[in-house]
Amino acid sequence: MKKIFPLLMMSMLSFSAFSMQKNNQIKYKLYILQPGDTLSELLQKEGYHPLYGEGMWVEKILEANHLTPNTVTKIKKGLPIILPTDKDIRNAYKEKLVTRNIAPIYVDTVKTKKAATMQTGLLANSISKHQSYGVNFKYYSRSINLEEGNIQSQENFGVSFLYRDKKNLNMGSLSVNPTADLGIINHGSNYSDDIAINFRPTYYLQSSLLINAEDQMYYGPKLKLMSSSQAVNAEDEITVRRDNTAWLGVEAQKTYETRYTQYRFSAEIMTTAYASDNPDYKNLNGQRAALEGEVNLLNNYHLGIFSFREQYSGSSTKNIDGLGLNLKYVLE
């Protein structure tokens, strides 16, 4: 609150300075930003026009509130925004009111769902404020412990496509954010006692319904469909089996925000709910626990570290331990 008060006072003084008309000030009101608000959509909803162009409402409101196209992407919910009560720039900025850089009046034909001044990144102006899309690149190493022997898998590279709905869908009394993640992981060099073992790529689709709790805490059920390879002890050699599985579990996320960046931590616990019949092996049963932490490096880039442990029965693979990094590019 101490940080907001000086900003509010500066904004009020600034707006008063360029809002004098004859001997009277243009009246203004305060709007408290809500989660998901964007400046252009707010102005459109409040009836201000025209929005875009030199000297138009988006530019003037940024100026009045000491914001720039860069800093506006970092504003948080709860921040007061000063808005004049006269919503027509032709009335609010006429005769001696503002005499510099006032562009001719243009008809605003920009779609209301495109909040250009609030969103950054490739194609960001085509992304609704209620959604986010992204690409996740990951690398990790893993240790596969078998009934007899151990496999070191150091070169696991993956890419996935991310989606998150931030609209807070109502399901009864709950507010829910659906997410989805579709990806592929390629397993490079895998060795056991200098013997190379080839694993086919892993394919997966996972989705969760995150319940929006207070203070940016989310939790909810998670489903993962996966097709993957498992190592098997067969007499004196190691072979590979293929399994199609469905995993069910729960996921929790917590976000922390500072003045300059954002941190997110997540955890999940899952178990196999279905495994395809395999005539040569027992059906696979597994449990998985994973932790992840990430930091928002820039507007659209997130760097994270993750670890996981999987335990199995019905397979020669007893457990798998993994540790890795990921880099996300998020459009929101």
C-alpha atoms as a PDB file:
ATOM      1  CA  MET A   1       0.000   0.000   0.000  1.00  0.00           C
ATOM      2  CA  LYS A   2       2.943   2.298   0.759  1.00  0.00           C
ATOM      3  CA  LYS A   3       4.205   1.799  -2.800  1.00  0.00           C
ATOM      4  CA  ILE A   4       0.811   2.392  -4.378  1.00  0.00           C
ATOM      5  CA  PHE A   5       0.067   5.675  -2.527  1.00  0.00           C
ATOM      6  CA  PRO A   6       2.971   7.714  -3.995  1.00  0.00           C
ATOM      7  CA  LEU A   7       2.210   6.368  -7.476  1.00  0.00           C
ATOM      8  CA  LEU A   8      -1.432   7.294  -7.023  1.00  0.00           C
ATOM      9  CA  MET A   9      -0.547  10.847  -5.908  1.00  0.00           C
ATOM     10  CA  MET A  10       1.863  11.324  -8.830  1.00  0.00           C
ATOM     11  CA  SER A  11      -0.750  10.062 -11.262  1.00  0.00           C
ATOM     12  CA  MET A  12      -3.415  12.402  -9.847  1.00  0.00           C
ATOM     13  CA  LEU A  13      -1.102  15.423 -10.095  1.00  0.00           C
ATOM     14  CA  SER A  14      -0.025  14.496 -13.613  1.00  0.00           C
ATOM     15  CA  PHE A  15      -3.559  14.013 -14.797  1.00  0.00           C
ATOM     16  CA  SER A  16      -4.649  17.298 -13.245  1.00  0.00           C
ATOM     17  CA  ALA A  17      -1.817  19.091 -15.014  1.00  0.00           C
ATOM     18  CA  PHE A  18      -2.874  18.131 -18.520  1.00  0.00           C
ATOM     19  CA  SER A  19      -6.598  18.019 -17.733  1.00  0.00           C
ATOM     20  CA  MET A  20      -7.295  21.744 -17.133  1.00  0.00           C
ATOM     21  CA  GLN A  21     -10.012  23.229 -19.269  1.00  0.00           C
ATOM     22  CA  LYS A  22     -10.532  26.927 -18.713  1.00  0.00           C
ATOM     23  CA  ASN A  23     -10.744  27.185 -14.880  1.00  0.00           C
ATOM     24  CA  ASN A  24     -12.219  23.751 -14.222  1.00  0.00           C
ATOM     25  CA  GLN A  25     -10.538  20.362 -13.934  1.00  0.00           C
ATOM     26  CA  ILE A  26     -11.798  17.396 -15.866  1.00  0.00           C
ATOM     27  CA  LYS A  27     -13.298  15.022 -13.307  1.00  0.00           C
ATOM     28  CA  TYR A  28     -11.729  11.631 -12.953  1.00  0.00           C
ATOM     29  CA  LYS A  29     -12.405   8.313 -11.276  1.00  0.00           C
ATOM     30  CA  LEU A  30     -10.291   5.456  -9.964  1.00  0.00           C
ATOM     31  CA  TYR A  31     -10.505   1.913 -11.247  1.00  0.00           C
ATOM     32  CA  ILE A  32      -8.878  -0.904  -9.243  1.00  0.00           C
ATOM     33  CA  LEU A  33      -7.311  -3.473 -11.568  1.00  0.00           C
ATOM     34  CA  GLN A  34      -8.749  -6.968 -11.387  1.00  0.00           C
ATOM     35  CA  PRO A  35      -6.981 -10.240 -12.293  1.00  0.00           C
ATOM     36  CA  GLY A  36      -6.741 -10.604 -16.075  1.00  0.00           C
ATOM     37  CA  ASP A  37      -7.506  -6.941 -16.872  1.00  0.00           C
ATOM     38  CA  THR A  38      -5.823  -5.367 -19.882  1.00  0.00           C
ATOM     39  CA  LEU A  39      -5.768  -1.637 -20.490  1.00  0.00           C
ATOM     40  CA  SER A  40      -7.322  -1.572 -23.953  1.00  0.00           C
ATOM     41  CA  GLU A  41     -10.084  -4.019 -23.030  1.00  0.00           C
ATOM     42  CA  LEU A  42     -10.780  -1.991 -19.884  1.00  0.00           C
ATOM     43  CA  LEU A  43     -11.082   1.240 -21.884  1.00  0.00           C
ATOM     44  CA  GLN A  44     -13.244  -0.473 -24.496  1.00  0.00           C
ATOM     45  CA  LYS A  45     -15.533  -1.859 -21.798  1.00  0.00           C
ATOM     46  CA  GLU A  46     -15.773   1.542 -20.098  1.00  0.00           C
ATOM     47  CA  GLY A  47     -16.728   3.213 -23.384  1.00  0.00           C
ATOM     48  CA  TYR A  48     -13.623   5.301 -24.152  1.00  0.00           C
ATOM     49  CA  HIS A  49     -12.998   6.011 -27.835  1.00  0.00           C
ATOM     50  CA  PRO A  50     -10.983   6.062 -29.987  1.00  0.00           C
ATOM     51  CA  LEU A  51      -8.337   3.874 -28.361  1.00  0.00           C
ATOM     52  CA  TYR A  52      -5.371   3.622 -30.704  1.00  0.00           C
ATOM     53  CA  GLY A  53      -3.120   6.113 -32.425  1.00  0.00           C
ATOM     54  CA  GLU A  54      -0.924   8.975 -31.398  1.00  0.00           C
ATOM     55  CA  GLY A  55      -2.644  11.088 -28.758  1.00  0.00           C
ATOM     56  CA  MET A  56      -5.541   8.656 -28.332  1.00  0.00           C
ATOM     57  CA  TRP A  57      -6.875   7.136 -25.123  1.00  0.00           C
ATOM     58  CA  VAL A  58      -4.448   4.239 -24.667  1.00  0.00           C
ATOM     59  CA  GLU A  59      -1.466   6.562 -24.989  1.00  0.00           C
ATOM     60  CA  LYS A  60      -2.988   9.254 -22.751  1.00  0.00           C
ATOM     61  CA  ILE A  61      -3.979   6.881 -19.953  1.00  0.00           C
ATOM     62  CA  LEU A  62      -0.490   5.374 -19.977  1.00  0.00           C
ATOM     63  CA  GLU A  63       0.965   8.868 -19.748  1.00  0.00           C
ATOM     64  CA  ALA A  64      -1.401   9.937 -16.956  1.00  0.00           C
ATOM     65  CA  ASN A  65      -0.563   6.877 -14.857  1.00  0.00           C
ATOM     66  CA  HIS A  66       3.208   7.046 -15.443  1.00  0.00           C
ATOM     67  CA  LEU A  67       3.207   3.816 -17.431  1.00  0.00           C
ATOM     68  CA  THR A  68       4.988   2.791 -20.622  1.00  0.00           C
ATOM     69  CA  PRO A  69       4.276  -0.065 -23.088  1.00  0.00           C
ATOM     70  CA  ASN A  70       7.011  -2.015 -21.255  1.00  0.00           C
ATOM     71  CA  THR A  71       6.060  -1.334 -17.640  1.00  0.00           C
ATOM     72  CA  VAL A  72       2.343  -1.806 -18.292  1.00  0.00           C
ATOM     73  CA  THR A  73       2.903  -5.546 -18.765  1.00  0.00           C
ATOM     74  CA  LYS A  74       4.097  -5.782 -15.146  1.00  0.00           C
ATOM     75  CA  ILE A  75       1.205  -4.056 -13.378  1.00  0.00           C
ATOM     76  CA  LYS A  76      -0.580  -6.174 -10.798  1.00  0.00           C
ATOM     77  CA  LYS A  77      -4.128  -6.577  -9.581  1.00  0.00           C
ATOM     78  CA  GLY A  78      -5.145  -4.045  -6.949  1.00  0.00           C
ATOM     79  CA  LEU A  79      -3.309  -1.135  -8.609  1.00  0.00           C
ATOM     80  CA  PRO A  80      -5.519   1.983  -9.025  1.00  0.00           C
ATOM     81  CA  ILE A  81      -5.787   3.410 -12.536  1.00  0.00           C
ATOM     82  CA  ILE A  82      -6.952   7.005 -13.085  1.00  0.00           C
ATOM     83  CA  LEU A  83      -9.641   7.433 -15.747  1.00  0.00           C
ATOM     84  CA  PRO A  84     -11.288  10.743 -16.755  1.00  0.00           C
ATOM     85  CA  THR A  85     -15.081  10.785 -16.649  1.00  0.00           C
ATOM     86  CA  ASP A  86     -15.378  12.274 -20.149  1.00  0.00           C
ATOM     87  CA  LYS A  87     -14.935   9.247 -22.392  1.00  0.00           C
ATOM     88  CA  ASP A  88     -14.727  11.102 -25.727  1.00  0.00           C
ATOM     89  CA  ILE A  89     -11.228  12.346 -26.422  1.00  0.00           C
ATOM     90  CA  ARG A  90     -12.677  15.036 -28.676  1.00  0.00           C
ATOM     91  CA  ASN A  91     -14.363  16.598 -25.648  1.00  0.00           C
ATOM     92  CA  ALA A  92     -11.752  15.830 -23.030  1.00  0.00           C
ATOM     93  CA  TYR A  93      -8.883  17.179 -25.157  1.00  0.00           C
ATOM     94  CA  LYS A  94     -10.127  20.279 -26.952  1.00  0.00           C
ATOM     95  CA  GLU A  95      -9.051  23.935 -26.956  1.00  0.00           C
ATOM     96  CA  LYS A  96      -5.989  24.555 -24.790  1.00  0.00           C
ATOM     97  CA  LEU A  97      -6.543  21.338 -22.841  1.00  0.00           C
ATOM     98  CA  VAL A  98      -3.658  19.527 -24.506  1.00  0.00           C
ATOM     99  CA  THR A  99      -2.019  21.330 -27.378  1.00  0.00           C
ATOM    100  CA  ARG A 100       0.810  18.991 -28.375  1.00  0.00           C
ATOM    101  CA  ASN A 101       0.810  15.792 -30.399  1.00  0.00           C
ATOM    102  CA  ILE A 102      -2.945  15.448 -30.730  1.00  0.00           C
ATOM    103  CA  ALA A 103      -3.584  13.286 -33.765  1.00  0.00           C
ATOM    104  CA  PRO A 104      -6.690  13.520 -35.967  1.00  0.00           C
ATOM    105  CA  ILE A 105      -9.630  11.456 -34.796  1.00  0.00           C
ATOM    106  CA  TYR A 106      -9.779   8.022 -36.399  1.00  0.00           C
ATOM    107  CA  VAL A 107     -12.483   5.399 -36.222  1.00  0.00           C
ATOM    108  CA  ASP A 108     -11.321   2.607 -33.925  1.00  0.00           C
ATOM    109  CA  THR A 109     -11.618  -0.650 -35.870  1.00  0.00           C
ATOM    110  CA  VAL A 110      -9.322  -2.783 -33.699  1.00  0.00           C
ATOM    111  CA  LYS A 111     -11.009  -5.914 -32.393  1.00  0.00           C
ATOM    112  CA  THR A 112     -11.889  -5.709 -28.727  1.00  0.00           C
ATOM    113  CA  LYS A 113     -10.117  -8.992 -27.947  1.00  0.00           C
ATOM    114  CA  LYS A 114      -6.719  -7.633 -29.051  1.00  0.00           C
ATOM    115  CA  ALA A 115      -5.124  -5.772 -26.160  1.00  0.00           C
ATOM    116  CA  ALA A 116      -2.060  -4.527 -28.001  1.00  0.00           C
ATOM    117  CA  THR A 117      -0.532  -2.383 -25.286  1.00  0.00           C
ATOM    118  CA  MET A 118      -0.747  -5.066 -22.619  1.00  0.00           C
ATOM    119  CA  GLN A 119       0.607  -8.133 -24.403  1.00  0.00           C
ATOM    120  CA  THR A 120       4.089  -8.880 -25.665  1.00  0.00           C
ATOM    121  CA  GLY A 121       5.819 -11.611 -27.617  1.00  0.00           C
ATOM    122  CA  LEU A 122       5.348 -13.410 -30.888  1.00  0.00           C
ATOM    123  CA  LEU A 123       1.633 -13.421 -31.908  1.00  0.00           C
ATOM    124  CA  ALA A 124       0.717 -12.153 -28.430  1.00  0.00           C
ATOM    125  CA  ASN A 125      -1.804  -9.650 -29.740  1.00  0.00           C
ATOM    126  CA  SER A 126      -3.804 -12.567 -31.128  1.00  0.00           C
ATOM    127  CA  ILE A 127      -3.921 -14.322 -27.734  1.00  0.00           C
ATOM    128  CA  SER A 128      -6.910 -13.700 -25.493  1.00  0.00           C
ATOM    129  CA  LYS A 129      -6.151 -12.423 -22.002  1.00  0.00           C
ATOM    130  CA  HIS A 130      -7.996 -15.504 -20.729  1.00  0.00           C
ATOM    131  CA  GLN A 131      -5.582 -17.979 -22.317  1.00  0.00           C
ATOM    132  CA  SER A 132      -1.885 -18.719 -22.547  1.00  0.00           C
ATOM    133  CA  TYR A 133       0.028 -20.890 -25.000  1.00  0.00           C
ATOM    134  CA  GLY A 134       3.624 -21.960 -24.876  1.00  0.00           C
ATOM    135  CA  VAL A 135       6.453 -24.205 -26.004  1.00  0.00           C
ATOM    136  CA  ASN A 136       8.520 -26.100 -23.448  1.00  0.00           C
ATOM    137  CA  PHE A 137      11.994 -27.438 -24.194  1.00  0.00           C
ATOM    138  CA  LYS A 138      13.418 -29.856 -21.657  1.00  0.00           C
ATOM    139  CA  TYR A 139      16.582 -31.810 -21.015  1.00  0.00           C
ATOM    140  CA  TYR A 140      17.166 -34.328 -18.239  1.00  0.00           C
ATOM    141  CA  SER A 141      19.250 -37.276 -17.174  1.00  0.00           C
ATOM    142  CA  ARG A 142      17.868 -40.368 -15.489  1.00  0.00           C
ATOM    143  CA  SER A 143      19.042 -43.455 -13.689  1.00  0.00           C
ATOM    144  CA  ILE A 144      17.038 -46.637 -14.322  1.00  0.00           C
ATOM    145  CA  ASN A 145      17.407 -49.289 -11.627  1.00  0.00           C
ATOM    146  CA  LEU A 146      16.542 -52.830 -12.685  1.00  0.00           C
ATOM    147  CA  GLU A 147      16.176 -56.071 -10.781  1.00  0.00           C
ATOM    148  CA  GLU A 148      19.595 -56.902 -12.191  1.00  0.00           C
ATOM    149  CA  GLY A 149      21.706 -53.958 -13.241  1.00  0.00           C
ATOM    150  CA  ASN A 150      21.420 -50.255 -13.861  1.00  0.00           C
ATOM    151  CA  ILE A 151      20.984 -48.078 -16.943  1.00  0.00           C
ATOM    152  CA  GLN A 152      22.360 -44.542 -17.212  1.00  0.00           C
ATOM    153  CA  SER A 153      20.331 -42.363 -19.586  1.00  0.00           C
ATOM    154  CA  GLN A 154      22.044 -38.979 -19.908  1.00  0.00           C
ATOM    155  CA  GLU A 155      20.600 -37.533 -23.109  1.00  0.00           C
ATOM    156  CA  ASN A 156      16.842 -37.093 -22.854  1.00  0.00           C
ATOM    157  CA  PHE A 157      15.495 -34.189 -24.892  1.00  0.00           C
ATOM    158  CA  GLY A 158      11.860 -33.200 -25.137  1.00  0.00           C
ATOM    159  CA  VAL A 159       9.548 -30.584 -26.556  1.00  0.00           C
ATOM    160  CA  SER A 160       5.921 -29.993 -25.676  1.00  0.00           C
ATOM    161  CA  PHE A 161       3.133 -27.541 -26.434  1.00  0.00           C
ATOM    162  CA  LEU A 162       1.371 -25.938 -23.485  1.00  0.00           C
ATOM    163  CA  TYR A 163      -2.093 -24.496 -23.016  1.00  0.00           C
ATOM    164  CA  ARG A 164      -3.704 -22.903 -19.987  1.00  0.00           C
ATOM    165  CA  ASP A 165      -7.154 -21.369 -19.641  1.00  0.00           C
ATOM    166  CA  LYS A 166      -7.072 -18.469 -17.171  1.00  0.00           C
ATOM    167  CA  LYS A 167     -10.764 -17.640 -17.421  1.00  0.00           C
ATOM    168  CA  ASN A 168     -11.670 -19.151 -14.039  1.00  0.00           C
ATOM    169  CA  LEU A 169     -14.433 -21.462 -15.230  1.00  0.00           C
ATOM    170  CA  ASN A 170     -17.157 -22.062 -12.679  1.00  0.00           C
ATOM    171  CA  MET A 171     -17.902 -25.658 -11.713  1.00  0.00           C
ATOM    172  CA  GLY A 172     -20.456 -25.401  -8.953  1.00  0.00           C
ATOM    173  CA  SER A 173     -18.835 -23.339  -6.216  1.00  0.00           C
ATOM    174  CA  LEU A 174     -15.326 -23.923  -7.595  1.00  0.00           C
ATOM    175  CA  SER A 175     -13.292 -21.705  -9.933  1.00  0.00           C
ATOM    176  CA  VAL A 176     -11.226 -23.898 -12.272  1.00  0.00           C
ATOM    177  CA  ASN A 177      -8.399 -23.360 -14.791  1.00  0.00           C
ATOM    178  CA  PRO A 178      -7.952 -26.214 -17.320  1.00  0.00           C
ATOM    179  CA  THR A 179      -4.433 -26.944 -18.626  1.00  0.00           C
ATOM    180  CA  ALA A 180      -3.026 -29.249 -21.313  1.00  0.00           C
ATOM    181  CA  ASP A 181       0.460 -30.387 -22.344  1.00  0.00           C
ATOM    182  CA  LEU A 182       1.233 -32.445 -25.477  1.00  0.00           C
ATOM    183  CA  GLY A 183       4.813 -33.598 -25.933  1.00  0.00           C
ATOM    184  CA  ILE A 184       7.478 -35.996 -27.166  1.00  0.00           C
ATOM    185  CA  ILE A 185      10.735 -37.048 -25.485  1.00  0.00           C
ATOM    186  CA  ASN A 186      13.654 -38.553 -27.375  1.00  0.00           C
ATOM    187  CA  HIS A 187      15.990 -40.802 -25.387  1.00  0.00           C
ATOM    188  CA  GLY A 188      19.558 -40.604 -26.653  1.00  0.00           C
ATOM    189  CA  SER A 189      22.421 -42.653 -25.278  1.00  0.00           C
ATOM    190  CA  ASN A 190      21.450 -45.349 -22.746  1.00  0.00           C
ATOM    191  CA  TYR A 191      24.153 -47.609 -21.356  1.00  0.00           C
ATOM    192  CA  SER A 192      24.379 -50.577 -18.981  1.00  0.00           C
ATOM    193  CA  ASP A 193      27.871 -51.960 -18.450  1.00  0.00           C
ATOM    194  CA  ASP A 194      29.008 -50.446 -21.765  1.00  0.00           C
ATOM    195  CA  ILE A 195      26.071 -52.039 -23.582  1.00  0.00           C
ATOM    196  CA  ALA A 196      23.973 -49.577 -25.590  1.00  0.00           C
ATOM    197  CA  ILE A 197      20.201 -49.858 -25.197  1.00  0.00           C
ATOM    198  CA  ASN A 198      17.771 -48.152 -27.537  1.00  0.00           C
ATOM    199  CA  PHE A 199      14.518 -46.688 -26.244  1.00  0.00           C
ATOM    200  CA  ARG A 200      11.862 -45.481 -28.641  1.00  0.00           C
ATOM    201  CA  PRO A 201      10.564 -41.929 -28.068  1.00  0.00           C
ATOM    202  CA  THR A 202       8.023 -41.312 -25.320  1.00  0.00           C
ATOM    203  CA  TYR A 203       4.740 -39.642 -26.297  1.00  0.00           C
ATOM    204  CA  TYR A 204       2.397 -38.087 -23.780  1.00  0.00           C
ATOM    205  CA  LEU A 205      -0.685 -35.953 -23.338  1.00  0.00           C
ATOM    206  CA  GLN A 206      -1.497 -34.598 -19.891  1.00  0.00           C
ATOM    207  CA  SER A 207      -4.229 -32.340 -18.597  1.00  0.00           C
ATOM    208  CA  SER A 208      -5.243 -30.949 -15.228  1.00  0.00           C
ATOM    209  CA  LEU A 209      -8.130 -28.999 -13.713  1.00  0.00           C
ATOM    210  CA  LEU A 210      -6.539 -26.531 -11.331  1.00  0.00           C
ATOM    211  CA  ILE A 211      -8.857 -25.145  -8.675  1.00  0.00           C
ATOM    212  CA  ASN A 212      -8.131 -21.480  -8.064  1.00  0.00           C
ATOM    213  CA  ALA A 213      -7.536 -21.031  -4.341  1.00  0.00           C
ATOM    214  CA  GLU A 214      -6.477 -17.835  -2.578  1.00  0.00           C
ATOM    215  CA  ASP A 215      -3.076 -16.145  -2.910  1.00  0.00           C
ATOM    216  CA  GLN A 216      -2.273 -17.695  -6.305  1.00  0.00           C
ATOM    217  CA  MET A 217      -2.484 -21.252  -5.017  1.00  0.00           C
ATOM    218  CA  TYR A 218      -3.868 -23.881  -7.407  1.00  0.00           C
ATOM    219  CA  TYR A 219      -4.539 -27.576  -6.948  1.00  0.00           C
ATOM    220  CA  GLY A 220      -6.597 -30.254  -8.657  1.00  0.00           C
ATOM    221  CA  PRO A 221      -6.790 -33.606 -10.459  1.00  0.00           C
ATOM    222  CA  LYS A 222      -4.408 -34.540 -13.251  1.00  0.00           C
ATOM    223  CA  LEU A 223      -4.584 -37.121 -16.051  1.00  0.00           C
ATOM    224  CA  LYS A 224      -1.652 -38.308 -18.160  1.00  0.00           C
ATOM    225  CA  LEU A 225      -1.750 -40.624 -21.194  1.00  0.00           C
ATOM    226  CA  MET A 226       1.644 -42.017 -22.151  1.00  0.00           C
ATOM    227  CA  SER A 227       3.298 -44.431 -24.526  1.00  0.00           C
ATOM    228  CA  SER A 228       6.799 -45.330 -23.344  1.00  0.00           C
ATOM    229  CA  SER A 229       9.521 -47.985 -23.342  1.00  0.00           C
ATOM    230  CA  GLN A 230      10.689 -49.957 -20.305  1.00  0.00           C
ATOM    231  CA  ALA A 231      13.803 -52.055 -19.818  1.00  0.00           C
ATOM    232  CA  VAL A 232      13.370 -55.767 -19.033  1.00  0.00           C
ATOM    233  CA  ASN A 233      15.807 -58.354 -17.714  1.00  0.00           C
ATOM    234  CA  ALA A 234      15.558 -61.388 -20.018  1.00  0.00           C
ATOM    235  CA  GLU A 235      17.954 -64.154 -19.036  1.00  0.00           C
ATOM    236  CA  ASP A 236      21.422 -62.594 -19.350  1.00  0.00           C
ATOM    237  CA  GLU A 237      20.479 -59.606 -21.462  1.00  0.00           C
ATOM    238  CA  ILE A 238      18.347 -56.474 -21.325  1.00  0.00           C
ATOM    239  CA  THR A 239      15.473 -56.067 -23.758  1.00  0.00           C
ATOM    240  CA  VAL A 240      12.861 -53.319 -24.143  1.00  0.00           C
ATOM    241  CA  ARG A 241       9.089 -53.516 -23.788  1.00  0.00           C
ATOM    242  CA  ARG A 242       6.481 -50.961 -24.881  1.00  0.00           C
ATOM    243  CA  ASP A 243       3.609 -49.874 -22.649  1.00  0.00           C
ATOM    244  CA  ASN A 244       0.598 -47.623 -23.122  1.00  0.00           C
ATOM    245  CA  THR A 245      -0.563 -46.287 -19.774  1.00  0.00           C
ATOM    246  CA  ALA A 246      -2.989 -43.842 -18.196  1.00  0.00           C
ATOM    247  CA  TRP A 247      -1.950 -42.086 -15.001  1.00  0.00           C
ATOM    248  CA  LEU A 248      -4.190 -40.331 -12.474  1.00  0.00           C
ATOM    249  CA  GLY A 249      -3.166 -38.074  -9.643  1.00  0.00           C
ATOM    250  CA  VAL A 250      -3.180 -34.605  -8.131  1.00  0.00           C
ATOM    251  CA  GLU A 251      -1.165 -31.478  -8.860  1.00  0.00           C
ATOM    252  CA  ALA A 252      -0.541 -28.337  -6.795  1.00  0.00           C
ATOM    253  CA  GLN A 253       0.964 -25.013  -7.874  1.00  0.00           C
ATOM    254  CA  LYS A 254       1.982 -21.904  -5.976  1.00  0.00           C
ATOM    255  CA  THR A 255       3.065 -18.614  -7.542  1.00  0.00           C
ATOM    256  CA  TYR A 256       5.082 -15.880  -5.862  1.00  0.00           C
ATOM    257  CA  GLU A 257       5.467 -12.430  -7.364  1.00  0.00           C
ATOM    258  CA  THR A 258       8.043  -9.766  -6.614  1.00  0.00           C
ATOM    259  CA  ARG A 259       8.432  -6.320  -8.051  1.00  0.00           C
ATOM    260  CA  TYR A 260      10.681  -7.583 -10.817  1.00  0.00           C
ATOM    261  CA  THR A 261       9.822 -11.209 -11.516  1.00  0.00           C
ATOM    262  CA  GLN A 262       7.635 -14.207 -10.786  1.00  0.00           C
ATOM    263  CA  TYR A 263       8.364 -17.640  -9.296  1.00  0.00           C
ATOM    264  CA  ARG A 264       6.228 -20.760  -9.605  1.00  0.00           C
ATOM    265  CA  PHE A 265       6.551 -24.056  -7.757  1.00  0.00           C
ATOM    266  CA  SER A 266       4.570 -27.213  -8.477  1.00  0.00           C
ATOM    267  CA  ALA A 267       4.301 -30.773  -7.205  1.00  0.00           C
ATOM    268  CA  GLU A 268       2.441 -33.861  -8.408  1.00  0.00           C
ATOM    269  CA  ILE A 269       1.707 -37.380  -7.227  1.00  0.00           C
ATOM    270  CA  MET A 270       0.332 -39.922  -9.731  1.00  0.00           C
ATOM    271  CA  THR A 271      -0.379 -43.635 -10.119  1.00  0.00           C
ATOM    272  CA  THR A 272      -1.194 -45.827 -13.096  1.00  0.00           C
ATOM    273  CA  ALA A 273      -4.938 -46.319 -13.570  1.00  0.00           C
ATOM    274  CA  TYR A 274      -4.683 -48.335 -16.789  1.00  0.00           C
ATOM    275  CA  ALA A 275      -2.020 -50.309 -18.645  1.00  0.00           C
ATOM    276  CA  SER A 276      -2.494 -51.973 -22.033  1.00  0.00           C
ATOM    277  CA  ASP A 277      -2.459 -55.767 -22.089  1.00  0.00           C
ATOM    278  CA  ASN A 278       0.908 -57.187 -23.032  1.00  0.00           C
ATOM    279  CA  PRO A 279       0.951 -60.945 -23.750  1.00  0.00           C
ATOM    280  CA  ASP A 280       4.687 -61.205 -23.082  1.00  0.00           C
ATOM    281  CA  TYR A 281       4.848 -59.300 -19.778  1.00  0.00           C
ATOM    282  CA  LYS A 282       2.830 -58.486 -16.704  1.00  0.00           C
ATOM    283  CA  ASN A 283       0.790 -55.306 -16.813  1.00  0.00           C
ATOM    284  CA  LEU A 284       2.780 -52.307 -15.692  1.00  0.00           C
ATOM    285  CA  ASN A 285       1.930 -50.633 -12.380  1.00  0.00           C
ATOM    286  CA  GLY A 286       3.669 -47.453 -11.341  1.00  0.00           C
ATOM    287  CA  GLN A 287       3.705 -44.467  -8.990  1.00  0.00           C
ATOM    288  CA  ARG A 288       5.260 -41.100  -9.739  1.00  0.00           C
ATOM    289  CA  ALA A 289       6.221 -38.052  -7.665  1.00  0.00           C
ATOM    290  CA  ALA A 290       7.642 -34.859  -9.202  1.00  0.00           C
ATOM    291  CA  LEU A 291       8.743 -31.379  -8.116  1.00  0.00           C
ATOM    292  CA  GLU A 292       9.390 -28.329 -10.287  1.00  0.00           C
ATOM    293  CA  GLY A 293      10.421 -24.713  -9.758  1.00  0.00           C
ATOM    294  CA  GLU A 294      10.670 -21.975 -12.370  1.00  0.00           C
ATOM    295  CA  VAL A 295      11.445 -18.273 -12.619  1.00  0.00           C
ATOM    296  CA  ASN A 296      10.139 -15.745 -15.143  1.00  0.00           C
ATOM    297  CA  LEU A 297      13.387 -14.510 -16.739  1.00  0.00           C
ATOM    298  CA  LEU A 298      11.789 -12.024 -19.147  1.00  0.00           C
ATOM    299  CA  ASN A 299       8.245 -11.232 -20.217  1.00  0.00           C
ATOM    300  CA  ASN A 300       7.815 -14.496 -22.093  1.00  0.00           C
ATOM    301  CA  TYR A 301      10.678 -16.744 -21.000  1.00  0.00           C
ATOM    302  CA  HIS A 302      10.641 -19.090 -18.003  1.00  0.00           C
ATOM    303  CA  LEU A 303      13.595 -21.171 -16.803  1.00  0.00           C
ATOM    304  CA  GLY A 304      12.935 -24.141 -14.553  1.00  0.00           C
ATOM    305  CA  ILE A 305      14.486 -27.115 -12.788  1.00  0.00           C
ATOM    306  CA  PHE A 306      12.618 -30.353 -12.085  1.00  0.00           C
ATOM    307  CA  SER A 307      13.114 -33.759 -10.536  1.00  0.00           C
ATOM    308  CA  PHE A 308      11.029 -36.918 -10.450  1.00  0.00           C
ATOM    309  CA  ARG A 309      10.969 -40.459  -9.121  1.00  0.00           C
ATOM    310  CA  GLU A 310       8.972 -43.340 -10.564  1.00  0.00           C
ATOM    311  CA  GLN A 311       8.520 -46.755  -8.945  1.00  0.00           C
ATOM    312  CA  TYR A 312       7.173 -49.814 -10.780  1.00  0.00           C
ATOM    313  CA  SER A 313       5.873 -53.302 -10.197  1.00  0.00           C
ATOM    314  CA  GLY A 314       5.101 -55.846 -12.895  1.00  0.00           C
ATOM    315  CA  SER A 315       8.347 -54.883 -14.626  1.00  0.00           C
ATOM    316  CA  SER A 316      12.072 -55.489 -14.306  1.00  0.00           C
ATOM    317  CA  THR A 317      12.383 -51.727 -13.867  1.00  0.00           C
ATOM    318  CA  LYS A 318      12.145 -51.053 -10.141  1.00  0.00           C
ATOM    319  CA  ASN A 319      12.529 -47.274 -10.128  1.00  0.00           C
ATOM    320  CA  ILE A 320      13.656 -44.312 -12.233  1.00  0.00           C
ATOM    321  CA  ASP A 321      15.203 -41.114 -10.841  1.00  0.00           C
ATOM    322  CA  GLY A 322      15.453 -38.030 -13.029  1.00  0.00           C
ATOM    323  CA  LEU A 323      16.775 -34.457 -12.814  1.00  0.00           C
ATOM    324  CA  GLY A 324      16.639 -31.806 -15.515  1.00  0.00           C
ATOM    325  CA  LEU A 325      16.050 -28.294 -16.828  1.00  0.00           C
ATOM    326  CA  ASN A 326      13.360 -26.750 -18.962  1.00  0.00           C
ATOM    327  CA  LEU A 327      12.959 -23.502 -20.893  1.00  0.00           C
ATOM    328  CA  LYS A 328       9.458 -22.240 -21.660  1.00  0.00           C
ATOM    329  CA  TYR A 329       8.376 -19.585 -24.107  1.00  0.00           C
ATOM    330  CA  VAL A 330       4.857 -18.522 -23.116  1.00  0.00           C
ATOM    331  CA  LEU A 331       2.410 -16.357 -25.085  1.00  0.00           C
ATOM    332  CA  GLU A 332      -0.123 -14.717 -22.797  1.00  0.00           C
END
